[in-house]
């Protein structure tokens, strides 16, 4: 049986059960159907990895995560169809997610307690206790015996029988076209790994499609592939004396040098593998330790590729690993371009908001067949000056340049730039753009949703991206779906629309702004405060905090922003919940980042 035949057989024989389980867990037939189809697409992309490791469990798990994202921001939009057992679905919805999944898996999923507990991620003993408590809750809520409830559970299957199952070839084709990173899978992988103070990383892989790398210097000539490989050795790596420029107050020493191409352990935070090149000709990784500050470290890596084309792909993958970084409480703080006469470098600065805070500065360069990375980590909010870091990065390239016969330079100019695009939905906020929330130590996750109705609209602005002036629009929601202490209303929503002209976009923003500004006059329960504008030659925007009185003396708040960049408009709305909030300054930073992301809207 071929790989295609194997998947098609699996898909055809399991789809009905998978969508039934997903429907019972989510309570929304359409959401369940779309999530299940998407889960099978992901299964096809990962088929070689999962085919022998219970693929149906993989599909059910992926589908559940997608429904959790779909419902995260607006749970009241969940639709119970007329032919469904609404009372049972509502009773199930009152259970915790783990308890609900256990009950569904053991009935509609036709699994035993041990397998169901394993799929949910619970020890079998804890699973027994959870199921016992959940069944007792259902008996109380529905006032029926367990055997009657079980019959009603199996009867839920009838609600999905009318769904038209896509042809397996269509699913495989969509998976191939989509060929993008699986956000939810990466979130699960990220959470499973502890983000320590050393150089660590999560599982997964990402390569930007269509990412344009900056112009770069060519070392030597087109025939220098062999020359590069032969001449580059450990002598081309930075010395401890050169690294000491990053922190002259500390004493630096080489911690180790590795040339093993088979080593797979990442040497820094964010990369999903040790090397971006899948088959390098040579590799060098040198780490440095500070004797004065035990928490300060530096790593330098050089990868020698077998062709210029492969080296360019390697460079793009390296940058993508950081622009797509998904770790709990890690943010991309700033991006810089190091301008040089013979090719530019990129520098990214990230920050972990765990305790203690930790700052990461990462530089990238590429020339000919050689790709180089420099990483600096230190506790606290302050890393080395960007200019000093840029000079050290240039020093690392200069040694390679001279030995390969290239034209070298020490003239550089550093300027702040927009961050590189993310590999998925680059015109939207990336996971790495979102702020930490209170003490929540989980990763944000995103899902694409329809722009109609606008999930970012508020009762005051009533922004509608479905008018004839909008050529196209879509939306995304962001949730910390694994943070069980957060209420359902918490989350971020962003809608992006491309208008027929800049004039139309300006008019849209003006009208929505006027509605927001007059909301307190039109709605007595509304109060608008903390308004602020921000502007750049390429974009402009405003942020507000809006409070609505829900009961006498009780007010609920949300933060919203309207941003315009040419003919593109974005609305970002953050719905806090009690102490789970951010400051207006932090929200302004999110809105500003959303404005920079709009440059990637097509």
Protein backbone atom coordinates (compact mmCIF):
# COMPACT_ATOMS: atom_id res chain seq x y z
CA UNK A 1 0.00 0.00 0.00
CA UNK A 2 1.40 3.41 -0.96
CA UNK A 3 1.71 6.29 1.47
CA UNK A 4 -1.22 8.04 -0.21
CA UNK A 5 -3.41 4.92 -0.13
CA UNK A 6 -2.54 4.40 3.52
CA UNK A 7 -3.58 7.93 4.49
CA UNK A 8 -6.73 7.85 2.35
CA UNK A 9 -7.83 4.60 3.97
CA UNK A 10 -7.19 6.02 7.44
CA UNK A 11 -9.04 9.23 6.61
CA UNK A 12 -12.10 7.52 5.13
CA UNK A 13 -12.45 5.06 8.00
CA UNK A 14 -11.99 7.51 10.88
CA UNK A 15 -13.38 10.89 9.79
CA UNK A 16 -16.94 10.24 10.97
CA UNK A 17 -15.87 9.31 14.48
CA UNK A 18 -13.33 12.13 14.73
CA UNK A 19 -15.87 14.82 13.82
CA UNK A 20 -18.41 13.31 16.25
CA UNK A 21 -15.92 13.52 19.11
CA UNK A 22 -14.90 17.07 18.18
CA UNK A 23 -18.55 18.15 17.98
CA UNK A 24 -19.36 16.74 21.41
CA UNK A 25 -16.34 18.50 22.94
CA UNK A 26 -16.98 21.88 21.25
CA UNK A 27 -20.78 21.97 20.96
CA UNK A 28 -20.65 23.69 17.56
CA UNK A 29 -21.11 21.50 14.47
CA UNK A 30 -19.56 23.86 11.92
CA UNK A 31 -16.59 24.66 14.12
CA UNK A 32 -16.10 20.94 14.77
CA UNK A 33 -16.27 20.12 11.05
CA UNK A 34 -13.74 22.79 10.04
CA UNK A 35 -11.39 21.89 12.88
CA UNK A 36 -11.53 18.18 12.03
CA UNK A 37 -10.81 18.77 8.34
CA UNK A 38 -7.87 21.01 9.27
CA UNK A 39 -6.61 18.37 11.71
CA UNK A 40 -6.51 15.78 8.90
CA UNK A 41 -4.61 18.23 6.71
CA UNK A 42 -2.03 18.52 9.47
CA UNK A 43 -2.00 14.75 9.84
CA UNK A 44 -1.12 14.40 6.15
CA UNK A 45 1.72 16.91 6.50
CA UNK A 46 3.09 14.89 9.43
CA UNK A 47 2.06 11.47 8.15
CA UNK A 48 5.57 9.99 8.10
CA UNK A 49 5.94 10.92 11.78
CA UNK A 50 2.54 9.83 13.10
CA UNK A 51 1.48 6.90 10.89
CA UNK A 52 2.76 4.35 13.40
CA UNK A 53 1.93 6.35 16.53
CA UNK A 54 -1.86 6.31 16.92
CA UNK A 55 -2.75 8.84 14.18
CA UNK A 56 -6.43 9.03 15.22
CA UNK A 57 -5.41 10.31 18.64
CA UNK A 58 -3.26 12.91 16.91
CA UNK A 59 -6.21 14.05 14.77
CA UNK A 60 -8.61 14.25 17.73
CA UNK A 61 -6.07 16.20 19.77
CA UNK A 62 -5.36 18.69 16.97
CA UNK A 63 -9.07 19.17 16.26
CA UNK A 64 -9.77 19.85 19.93
CA UNK A 65 -7.02 22.49 20.10
CA UNK A 66 -8.38 24.21 17.00
CA UNK A 67 -11.91 24.34 18.46
CA UNK A 68 -10.48 25.74 21.69
CA UNK A 69 -8.90 28.56 19.70
CA UNK A 70 -12.01 29.15 17.61
CA UNK A 71 -14.18 29.60 20.66
CA UNK A 72 -11.68 31.35 22.88
CA UNK A 73 -12.62 35.00 22.43
CA UNK A 74 -16.36 34.80 21.89
CA UNK A 75 -17.75 31.69 23.64
CA UNK A 76 -21.31 33.02 23.42
CA UNK A 77 -21.16 32.65 19.64
CA UNK A 78 -21.10 28.87 19.97
CA UNK A 79 -24.02 27.53 17.91
CA UNK A 80 -26.15 24.57 18.98
CA UNK A 81 -28.06 23.24 15.98
CA UNK A 82 -31.79 22.57 16.13
CA UNK A 83 -31.24 18.82 15.71
CA UNK A 84 -28.75 18.63 18.58
CA UNK A 85 -29.23 17.67 22.23
CA UNK A 86 -28.80 21.20 23.52
CA UNK A 87 -29.35 20.27 27.16
CA UNK A 88 -26.64 17.61 27.05
CA UNK A 89 -24.18 19.87 25.22
CA UNK A 90 -24.71 22.63 27.77
CA UNK A 91 -24.19 20.18 30.63
CA UNK A 92 -20.97 18.97 29.02
CA UNK A 93 -19.83 22.58 28.55
CA UNK A 94 -20.09 23.10 32.32
CA UNK A 95 -17.44 20.43 32.91
CA UNK A 96 -13.74 21.23 32.79
CA UNK A 97 -12.13 20.68 29.39
CA UNK A 98 -10.23 17.59 30.57
CA UNK A 99 -13.34 16.02 32.14
CA UNK A 100 -15.42 16.73 29.04
CA UNK A 101 -12.81 15.18 26.75
CA UNK A 102 -12.55 12.08 28.94
CA UNK A 103 -16.32 11.50 28.88
CA UNK A 104 -16.52 12.04 25.12
CA UNK A 105 -13.52 9.82 24.33
CA UNK A 106 -14.90 6.98 26.44
CA UNK A 107 -18.29 7.11 24.71
CA UNK A 108 -18.17 8.49 21.16
CA UNK A 109 -14.42 7.87 20.89
CA UNK A 110 -14.79 4.22 21.83
CA UNK A 111 -11.63 4.28 24.00
CA UNK A 112 -10.98 2.80 27.41
CA UNK A 113 -10.12 4.88 30.46
CA UNK A 114 -6.38 4.31 30.19
CA UNK A 115 -6.20 5.40 26.53
CA UNK A 116 -8.53 8.37 27.11
CA UNK A 117 -6.44 9.54 30.09
CA UNK A 118 -3.25 9.24 28.06
CA UNK A 119 -4.73 11.26 25.19
CA UNK A 120 -5.89 14.01 27.56
CA UNK A 121 -2.53 13.99 29.32
CA UNK A 122 -3.56 12.66 32.74
CA UNK A 123 -2.26 9.75 34.83
CA UNK A 124 -4.74 6.85 34.80
CA UNK A 125 -5.41 7.25 38.53
CA UNK A 126 -6.28 10.90 38.10
CA UNK A 127 -8.39 9.99 35.07
CA UNK A 128 -10.51 7.61 37.17
CA UNK A 129 -11.16 10.33 39.73
CA UNK A 130 -11.98 12.91 37.04
CA UNK A 131 -14.42 10.62 35.22
CA UNK A 132 -16.20 9.69 38.46
CA UNK A 133 -16.64 13.35 39.40
CA UNK A 134 -17.71 14.34 35.87
CA UNK A 135 -20.33 11.61 35.62
CA UNK A 136 -21.75 12.60 38.99
CA UNK A 137 -22.01 16.21 37.76
CA UNK A 138 -23.81 15.10 34.61
CA UNK A 139 -26.22 12.94 36.58
CA UNK A 140 -27.08 15.89 38.78
CA UNK A 141 -27.40 18.37 35.92
CA UNK A 142 -29.48 16.08 33.68
CA UNK A 143 -31.29 14.18 36.45
CA UNK A 144 -30.69 10.88 34.70
CA UNK A 145 -28.81 7.66 35.32
CA UNK A 146 -25.46 6.98 33.71
CA UNK A 147 -26.86 4.47 31.23
CA UNK A 148 -29.37 7.04 29.93
CA UNK A 149 -26.65 9.68 29.64
CA UNK A 150 -24.47 7.25 27.70
CA UNK A 151 -27.27 6.62 25.21
CA UNK A 152 -27.72 10.37 24.75
CA UNK A 153 -23.98 10.75 24.20
CA UNK A 154 -24.02 8.20 21.39
CA UNK A 155 -27.10 9.88 19.92
CA UNK A 156 -25.06 13.09 19.43
CA UNK A 157 -23.45 11.34 16.45
CA UNK A 158 -26.60 11.93 14.42
CA UNK A 159 -25.95 15.69 14.42
CA UNK A 160 -22.87 15.25 12.21
CA UNK A 161 -24.20 12.59 9.85
CA UNK A 162 -25.42 15.17 7.31
CA UNK A 163 -21.97 16.76 6.93
CA UNK A 164 -20.41 16.28 3.51
CA UNK A 165 -17.01 14.68 3.98
CA UNK A 166 -14.33 16.21 1.71
CA UNK A 167 -12.58 13.86 -0.68
CA UNK A 168 -9.21 12.72 0.78
CA UNK A 169 -7.41 14.01 -2.31
CA UNK A 170 -8.81 17.47 -1.58
CA UNK A 171 -7.51 17.30 2.00
CA UNK A 172 -4.05 16.25 0.83
CA UNK A 173 -3.97 18.96 -1.82
CA UNK A 174 -4.98 21.64 0.69
CA UNK A 175 -2.29 20.43 3.08
CA UNK A 176 0.33 20.70 0.34
CA UNK A 177 -0.80 24.19 -0.66
CA UNK A 178 -0.96 25.33 2.92
CA UNK A 179 2.45 23.88 3.85
CA UNK A 180 2.91 26.28 6.73
CA UNK A 181 3.81 25.95 10.37
CA UNK A 182 1.30 24.29 12.65
CA UNK A 183 0.82 26.99 15.27
CA UNK A 184 -1.17 24.95 17.74
CA UNK A 185 1.29 22.05 17.56
CA UNK A 186 4.18 24.38 18.26
CA UNK A 187 2.34 25.85 21.24
CA UNK A 188 1.94 22.39 22.72
CA UNK A 189 5.60 21.64 22.08
CA UNK A 190 6.72 24.96 23.56
CA UNK A 191 4.78 24.49 26.77
CA UNK A 192 6.35 21.05 27.23
CA UNK A 193 9.87 22.44 27.42
CA UNK A 194 11.26 24.51 30.26
CA UNK A 195 12.72 27.82 29.16
CA UNK A 196 15.84 27.99 31.31
CA UNK A 197 18.61 30.51 31.63
CA UNK A 198 20.87 28.60 29.24
CA UNK A 199 20.66 27.93 25.54
CA UNK A 200 17.57 25.78 24.87
CA UNK A 201 14.85 25.43 22.22
CA UNK A 202 11.50 23.83 21.32
CA UNK A 203 10.60 21.27 18.68
CA UNK A 204 9.32 22.28 15.27
CA UNK A 205 10.64 23.93 12.16
CA UNK A 206 9.83 27.00 10.12
CA UNK A 207 11.05 28.39 6.86
CA UNK A 208 9.82 31.68 5.53
CA UNK A 209 8.18 31.50 2.14
CA UNK A 210 8.93 34.50 0.03
CA UNK A 211 10.95 36.25 2.76
CA UNK A 212 13.24 38.71 1.13
CA UNK A 213 16.67 38.70 2.72
CA UNK A 214 18.65 41.94 2.82
CA UNK A 215 21.43 42.50 0.31
CA UNK A 216 24.53 40.63 1.45
CA UNK A 217 28.22 40.65 0.70
CA UNK A 218 29.62 37.94 -1.56
CA UNK A 219 32.92 36.56 -0.25
CA UNK A 220 35.25 35.62 -3.10
CA UNK A 221 33.85 34.61 -6.46
CA UNK A 222 31.13 32.31 -7.76
CA UNK A 223 33.72 29.46 -7.94
CA UNK A 224 34.72 29.81 -4.29
CA UNK A 225 32.45 27.09 -2.85
CA UNK A 226 35.40 24.71 -2.36
CA UNK A 227 37.67 27.56 -1.26
CA UNK A 228 35.23 28.61 1.45
CA UNK A 229 34.91 25.06 2.76
CA UNK A 230 38.67 24.45 2.83
CA UNK A 231 39.77 27.74 4.34
CA UNK A 232 37.18 28.17 7.08
CA UNK A 233 38.27 26.63 10.40
CA UNK A 234 38.16 27.37 14.13
CA UNK A 235 40.61 30.21 13.56
CA UNK A 236 37.76 32.11 11.90
CA UNK A 237 35.71 32.15 15.10
CA UNK A 238 35.69 35.05 17.52
CA UNK A 239 38.18 35.15 20.37
CA UNK A 240 37.36 35.78 24.02
CA UNK A 241 39.07 39.17 23.70
CA UNK A 242 36.73 40.20 20.86
CA UNK A 243 33.64 39.00 22.76
CA UNK A 244 34.73 41.00 25.82
CA UNK A 245 33.71 44.18 23.95
CA UNK A 246 30.09 43.20 24.66
CA UNK A 247 30.72 43.52 28.41
CA UNK A 248 34.20 44.88 29.24
CA UNK A 249 33.44 44.72 32.98
CA UNK A 250 33.44 40.91 32.87
CA UNK A 251 36.23 38.45 32.21
CA UNK A 252 35.44 36.21 29.25
CA UNK A 253 36.71 32.77 28.27
CA UNK A 254 35.94 30.22 25.57
CA UNK A 255 33.58 27.65 27.08
CA UNK A 256 33.74 25.17 24.21
CA UNK A 257 34.05 24.72 20.43
CA UNK A 258 32.06 22.11 18.51
CA UNK A 259 32.45 20.97 14.89
CA UNK A 260 30.16 17.93 15.00
CA UNK A 261 27.65 18.11 12.13
CA UNK A 262 25.63 15.31 13.76
CA UNK A 263 25.04 17.23 16.98
CA UNK A 264 21.33 18.15 17.11
CA UNK A 265 21.11 20.05 20.42
CA UNK A 266 20.21 23.74 19.84
CA UNK A 267 22.83 26.15 21.14
CA UNK A 268 20.44 29.06 21.70
CA UNK A 269 16.88 29.96 22.58
CA UNK A 270 14.25 29.88 19.78
CA UNK A 271 16.00 27.73 17.14
CA UNK A 272 14.23 24.41 16.75
CA UNK A 273 17.40 22.63 15.63
CA UNK A 274 21.10 23.12 16.14
CA UNK A 275 21.77 23.89 12.49
CA UNK A 276 19.50 25.56 9.94
CA UNK A 277 21.34 23.79 7.13
CA UNK A 278 20.06 20.22 6.84
CA UNK A 279 23.28 18.95 5.22
CA UNK A 280 26.12 21.38 5.95
CA UNK A 281 29.64 20.99 4.57
CA UNK A 282 31.12 22.30 7.81
CA UNK A 283 29.81 23.69 11.11
CA UNK A 284 31.40 25.54 14.00
CA UNK A 285 29.76 26.48 17.27
CA UNK A 286 31.73 28.30 19.94
CA UNK A 287 30.31 29.32 23.31
CA UNK A 288 31.75 31.87 25.71
CA UNK A 289 31.20 32.23 29.45
CA UNK A 290 31.56 35.33 31.59
CA UNK A 291 33.53 34.77 34.80
CA UNK A 292 32.12 37.95 36.32
CA UNK A 293 28.45 37.22 35.56
CA UNK A 294 27.43 33.58 35.60
CA UNK A 295 24.15 34.37 33.84
CA UNK A 296 25.80 36.06 30.83
CA UNK A 297 26.66 33.91 27.82
CA UNK A 298 27.60 34.26 24.15
CA UNK A 299 27.38 31.75 21.32
CA UNK A 300 28.71 32.06 17.77
CA UNK A 301 27.88 29.66 14.96
CA UNK A 302 29.16 29.36 11.39
CA UNK A 303 27.48 27.04 8.87
CA UNK A 304 29.21 26.35 5.57
CA UNK A 305 26.74 25.28 2.89
CA UNK A 306 27.30 23.35 -0.32
CA UNK A 307 26.00 26.16 -2.54
CA UNK A 308 25.00 29.82 -2.42
CA UNK A 309 21.34 28.87 -2.85
CA UNK A 310 21.38 26.53 0.13
CA UNK A 311 23.17 29.17 2.21
CA UNK A 312 20.46 31.71 1.37
CA UNK A 313 17.78 29.26 2.47
CA UNK A 314 19.76 28.56 5.65
CA UNK A 315 19.93 32.26 6.42
CA UNK A 316 16.18 32.71 5.95
CA UNK A 317 15.46 29.73 8.17
CA UNK A 318 17.69 31.12 10.93
CA UNK A 319 15.94 34.50 10.92
CA UNK A 320 12.56 32.76 10.80
CA UNK A 321 13.33 30.72 13.91
CA UNK A 322 13.56 33.94 15.89
CA UNK A 323 10.77 35.91 14.24
CA UNK A 324 8.52 32.88 14.86
CA UNK A 325 9.84 32.27 18.38
CA UNK A 326 7.13 30.81 20.61
CA UNK A 327 8.18 30.54 24.23
CA UNK A 328 6.13 31.41 27.32
CA UNK A 329 6.48 35.12 28.19
CA UNK A 330 9.03 35.86 25.41
CA UNK A 331 8.63 39.01 23.28
CA UNK A 332 10.42 40.46 20.30
CA UNK A 333 11.53 43.86 21.59
CA UNK A 334 13.22 45.45 18.57
CA UNK A 335 14.75 44.82 15.14
CA UNK A 336 17.75 46.51 13.54
CA UNK A 337 19.54 46.56 10.20
CA UNK A 338 23.32 46.94 10.11
CA UNK A 339 24.03 48.75 6.86
CA UNK A 340 27.36 47.97 5.21
CA UNK A 341 28.84 48.85 1.81
CA UNK A 342 28.99 45.15 0.83
CA UNK A 343 25.83 43.75 2.39
CA UNK A 344 23.59 44.27 5.40
CA UNK A 345 23.19 42.30 8.63
CA UNK A 346 20.10 41.83 10.79
CA UNK A 347 19.88 42.08 14.58
CA UNK A 348 16.89 41.08 16.73
CA UNK A 349 16.43 41.73 20.44
CA UNK A 350 14.07 39.54 22.46
CA UNK A 351 13.16 39.46 26.14
CA UNK A 352 11.96 36.74 28.46
CA UNK A 353 9.63 38.11 31.12
CA UNK A 354 10.13 35.17 33.42
CA UNK A 355 11.91 35.73 36.71
CA UNK A 356 14.59 36.82 36.39
CA UNK A 357 14.01 38.73 33.19
CA UNK A 358 16.47 37.86 30.45
CA UNK A 359 17.48 39.73 27.30
CA UNK A 360 18.63 38.06 24.08
CA UNK A 361 20.45 39.87 21.28
CA UNK A 362 20.88 37.90 18.04
CA UNK A 363 22.75 38.88 14.88
CA UNK A 364 22.62 37.22 11.44
CA UNK A 365 24.90 37.47 8.41
CA UNK A 366 25.21 35.60 5.12
CA UNK A 367 27.76 35.74 2.34
CA UNK A 368 28.37 33.23 -0.40
CA UNK A 369 28.17 29.77 1.13
CA UNK A 370 28.65 30.96 4.71
CA UNK A 371 25.97 31.83 7.27
CA UNK A 372 26.91 33.21 10.67
CA UNK A 373 24.94 33.78 13.87
CA UNK A 374 25.94 35.59 17.05
CA UNK A 375 23.84 35.29 20.23
CA UNK A 376 24.21 37.18 23.54
CA UNK A 377 22.14 36.39 26.65
CA UNK A 378 22.07 38.20 29.98
CA UNK A 379 19.73 38.58 32.95
CA UNK A 380 17.86 41.88 33.14
CA UNK A 381 16.32 44.31 30.69
CA UNK A 382 19.58 45.68 29.34
CA UNK A 383 21.76 43.91 26.82
CA UNK A 384 24.88 45.25 25.14
CA UNK A 385 24.56 48.41 23.09
CA UNK A 386 23.29 47.54 19.63
CA UNK A 387 26.17 49.38 17.98
CA UNK A 388 28.76 47.43 20.02
CA UNK A 389 26.97 44.19 19.19
CA UNK A 390 26.90 45.15 15.50
CA UNK A 391 30.66 45.77 15.54
CA UNK A 392 31.28 42.38 17.18
CA UNK A 393 29.07 40.75 14.55
CA UNK A 394 31.07 42.54 11.87
CA UNK A 395 34.30 41.28 13.48
CA UNK A 396 33.02 37.70 13.18
CA UNK A 397 32.36 38.20 9.47
CA UNK A 398 35.62 40.07 8.90
CA UNK A 399 37.72 37.05 9.87
CA UNK A 400 35.89 34.85 7.37
CA UNK A 401 35.97 37.55 4.73
CA UNK A 402 39.74 37.99 4.81
CA UNK A 403 40.46 34.27 4.64
CA UNK A 404 38.12 33.73 1.70
CA UNK A 405 39.59 36.57 -0.33
CA UNK A 406 36.53 38.82 -0.22
CA UNK A 407 36.24 42.58 -0.06
CA UNK A 408 35.91 43.50 3.64
CA UNK A 409 34.81 46.61 5.51
CA UNK A 410 34.59 48.02 9.01
CA UNK A 411 32.20 50.82 8.02
CA UNK A 412 28.75 50.14 9.46
CA UNK A 413 25.62 52.11 10.28
CA UNK A 414 22.92 50.74 12.60
CA UNK A 415 19.28 51.75 12.24
CA UNK A 416 16.08 50.47 13.79
CA UNK A 417 13.78 48.73 11.31
CA UNK A 418 10.52 46.82 11.16
CA UNK A 419 10.80 43.22 12.35
CA UNK A 420 11.11 40.45 9.74
CA UNK A 421 7.83 38.78 8.74
CA UNK A 422 6.48 35.76 10.54
CA UNK A 423 6.00 32.63 8.43
CA UNK A 424 2.25 32.47 9.10
CA UNK A 425 -0.09 35.44 8.47
CA UNK A 426 2.79 37.98 8.36
CA UNK A 427 0.41 40.96 8.12
CA UNK A 428 -0.92 40.14 11.60
CA UNK A 429 0.58 40.28 15.06
CA UNK A 430 2.89 37.34 15.69
CA UNK A 431 2.95 35.26 18.84
CA UNK A 432 6.30 36.85 19.65
CA UNK A 433 4.66 40.32 19.55
CA UNK A 434 2.21 39.68 22.39
CA UNK A 435 2.88 40.72 25.99
CA UNK A 436 3.07 38.55 29.11
CA UNK A 437 -0.11 38.52 31.20
CA UNK A 438 0.15 38.68 34.99
CA UNK A 439 1.87 35.49 36.18
CA UNK A 440 0.54 33.29 33.36
CA UNK A 441 3.39 31.08 32.13
CA UNK A 442 1.83 29.82 28.90
CA UNK A 443 2.28 30.52 25.19
CA UNK A 444 -0.17 32.60 23.18
CA UNK A 445 -1.88 30.79 20.31
CA UNK A 446 -3.60 32.21 17.23
CA UNK A 447 -6.35 31.13 14.87
CA UNK A 448 -7.82 32.71 11.75
CA UNK A 449 -11.53 33.53 11.93
CA UNK A 450 -13.98 35.32 9.61
CA UNK A 451 -13.91 39.12 9.61
CA UNK A 452 -17.70 39.20 9.50
CA UNK A 453 -18.83 39.88 12.14
CA UNK A 454 -15.70 41.80 13.11
CA UNK A 455 -14.31 40.08 16.25
CA UNK A 456 -12.31 43.21 17.12
CA UNK A 457 -15.30 45.58 16.93
CA UNK A 458 -16.59 47.18 20.12
CA UNK A 459 -20.01 48.47 21.10
CA UNK A 460 -18.69 51.99 20.60
CA UNK A 461 -16.87 51.95 17.25
CA UNK A 462 -19.04 49.28 15.50
CA UNK A 463 -16.31 48.94 12.87
CA UNK A 464 -17.52 46.83 9.94
CA UNK A 465 -14.96 45.54 7.43
CA UNK A 466 -17.58 44.08 5.08
CA UNK A 467 -18.47 47.26 3.16
CA UNK A 468 -17.99 47.55 -0.60
CA UNK A 469 -14.97 49.81 0.01
CA UNK A 470 -13.05 46.85 1.48
CA UNK A 471 -11.42 44.64 -1.13
CA UNK A 472 -10.70 41.88 1.34
CA UNK A 473 -10.59 41.38 5.09
CA UNK A 474 -9.81 38.63 7.56
CA UNK A 475 -9.28 38.32 11.28
CA UNK A 476 -7.36 36.41 13.92
CA UNK A 477 -7.93 35.75 17.58
CA UNK A 478 -5.24 35.15 20.18
CA UNK A 479 -5.74 33.27 23.42
CA UNK A 480 -3.76 31.69 26.22
CA UNK A 481 -5.92 28.63 25.84
CA UNK A 482 -3.86 26.44 28.18
CA UNK A 483 -4.16 28.94 31.05
CA UNK A 484 -7.08 27.42 32.92
CA UNK A 485 -7.39 30.32 35.39
CA UNK A 486 -8.39 32.80 32.68
CA UNK A 487 -12.09 33.52 32.08
CA UNK A 488 -13.55 32.86 28.62
CA UNK A 489 -13.90 36.53 27.73
CA UNK A 490 -10.13 37.15 27.92
CA UNK A 491 -8.22 37.45 24.65
CA UNK A 492 -7.00 39.57 21.75
CA UNK A 493 -8.69 40.00 18.38
CA UNK A 494 -7.23 41.64 15.26
CA UNK A 495 -8.99 42.38 12.00
CA UNK A 496 -7.12 43.56 8.88
CA UNK A 497 -8.81 45.05 5.85
CA UNK A 498 -7.43 46.22 2.51
CA UNK A 499 -9.43 49.12 1.12
CA UNK A 500 -9.87 50.18 -2.49
CA UNK A 501 -7.88 53.36 -1.86
CA UNK A 502 -6.03 55.26 0.87
CA UNK A 503 -8.84 57.82 0.83
CA UNK A 504 -11.41 55.14 1.63
CA UNK A 505 -9.21 53.76 4.40
CA UNK A 506 -8.87 57.22 5.95
CA UNK A 507 -12.63 57.75 5.82
CA UNK A 508 -13.25 54.38 7.50
CA UNK A 509 -10.86 55.16 10.36
CA UNK A 510 -12.27 58.67 10.77
CA UNK A 511 -15.85 57.43 11.03
CA UNK A 512 -15.00 54.67 13.52
CA UNK A 513 -12.94 57.14 15.56
CA UNK A 514 -15.82 59.60 15.70
CA UNK A 515 -18.15 56.88 16.96
CA UNK A 516 -15.65 55.96 19.65
CA UNK A 517 -15.11 59.55 20.73
CA UNK A 518 -18.83 60.23 20.99
CA UNK A 519 -19.67 56.93 22.67
CA UNK A 520 -19.73 58.40 26.18
CA UNK A 521 -22.31 60.96 25.03
CA UNK A 522 -24.47 58.40 23.24
CA UNK A 523 -24.19 55.65 25.82
CA UNK A 524 -24.45 56.79 29.42
CA UNK A 525 -22.82 53.60 30.70
CA UNK A 526 -19.69 54.15 28.57
CA UNK A 527 -16.56 55.91 29.68
CA UNK A 528 -13.51 56.49 27.47
CA UNK A 529 -10.11 57.27 28.95
CA UNK A 530 -6.38 56.75 28.35
CA UNK A 531 -6.58 57.86 24.72
CA UNK A 532 -3.29 58.26 22.88
CA UNK A 533 -2.17 58.73 19.27
CA UNK A 534 1.00 57.41 17.64
CA UNK A 535 2.46 58.26 14.27
CA UNK A 536 5.25 57.23 11.91
CA UNK A 537 5.98 58.33 8.33
CA UNK A 538 4.48 55.01 7.18
CA UNK A 539 1.49 54.66 9.54
CA UNK A 540 -0.69 56.27 12.19
CA UNK A 541 -2.96 54.98 14.92
CA UNK A 542 -4.91 55.65 18.11
CA UNK A 543 -5.47 53.60 21.24
CA UNK A 544 -8.30 53.89 23.75
CA UNK A 545 -9.48 52.27 26.93
CA UNK A 546 -13.26 51.96 27.05
CA UNK A 547 -15.20 51.20 30.20
CA UNK A 548 -18.80 49.99 30.24
CA UNK A 549 -20.92 49.90 33.39
CA UNK A 550 -22.38 46.40 33.69
CA UNK A 551 -24.01 46.85 37.09
CA UNK A 552 -24.25 49.78 39.44
CA UNK A 553 -20.75 50.53 40.64
CA UNK A 554 -19.22 47.80 38.48
CA UNK A 555 -17.45 48.56 35.21
CA UNK A 556 -15.77 46.29 32.64
CA UNK A 557 -12.94 47.57 30.44
CA UNK A 558 -11.39 46.73 27.10
CA UNK A 559 -8.61 48.32 25.06
CA UNK A 560 -8.92 48.95 21.35
CA UNK A 561 -6.85 50.52 18.60
CA UNK A 562 -7.41 51.65 15.02
CA UNK A 563 -4.35 51.67 12.77
CA UNK A 564 -3.90 52.74 9.16
CA UNK A 565 -0.96 52.12 6.84
CA UNK A 566 -1.75 53.40 3.39
CA UNK A 567 -4.89 51.64 2.19
CA UNK A 568 -4.65 48.95 4.89
CA UNK A 569 -6.47 49.23 8.21
CA UNK A 570 -6.16 47.10 11.32
CA UNK A 571 -8.23 47.05 14.48
CA UNK A 572 -6.76 45.40 17.55
CA UNK A 573 -8.89 44.85 20.65
CA UNK A 574 -7.71 43.44 23.96
CA UNK A 575 -10.31 42.18 26.41
CA UNK A 576 -8.81 41.99 29.91
CA UNK A 577 -10.31 40.22 32.90
CA UNK A 578 -9.67 41.66 36.34
CA UNK A 579 -6.00 41.44 37.22
CA UNK A 580 -5.26 39.84 33.86
CA UNK A 581 -4.60 43.12 32.11
CA UNK A 582 -1.79 45.17 30.57
CA UNK A 583 -1.00 48.87 30.84
CA UNK A 584 -2.00 51.33 28.17
CA UNK A 585 1.70 51.80 27.36
CA UNK A 586 2.04 48.06 26.76
CA UNK A 587 -1.08 48.04 24.61
CA UNK A 588 0.24 50.99 22.59
CA UNK A 589 3.39 48.94 21.92
CA UNK A 590 1.22 46.06 20.66
CA UNK A 591 -0.74 48.43 18.41
CA UNK A 592 2.47 49.95 17.06
CA UNK A 593 3.81 46.49 16.29
CA UNK A 594 0.54 45.71 14.48
CA UNK A 595 1.18 48.80 12.37
CA UNK A 596 4.64 47.55 11.38
CA UNK A 597 3.18 44.17 10.46
CA UNK A 598 0.75 45.81 8.03
CA UNK A 599 3.65 46.39 5.63
CA UNK A 600 3.41 42.68 4.77
CA UNK A 601 -0.27 42.87 3.79
CA UNK A 602 -0.58 42.19 0.06
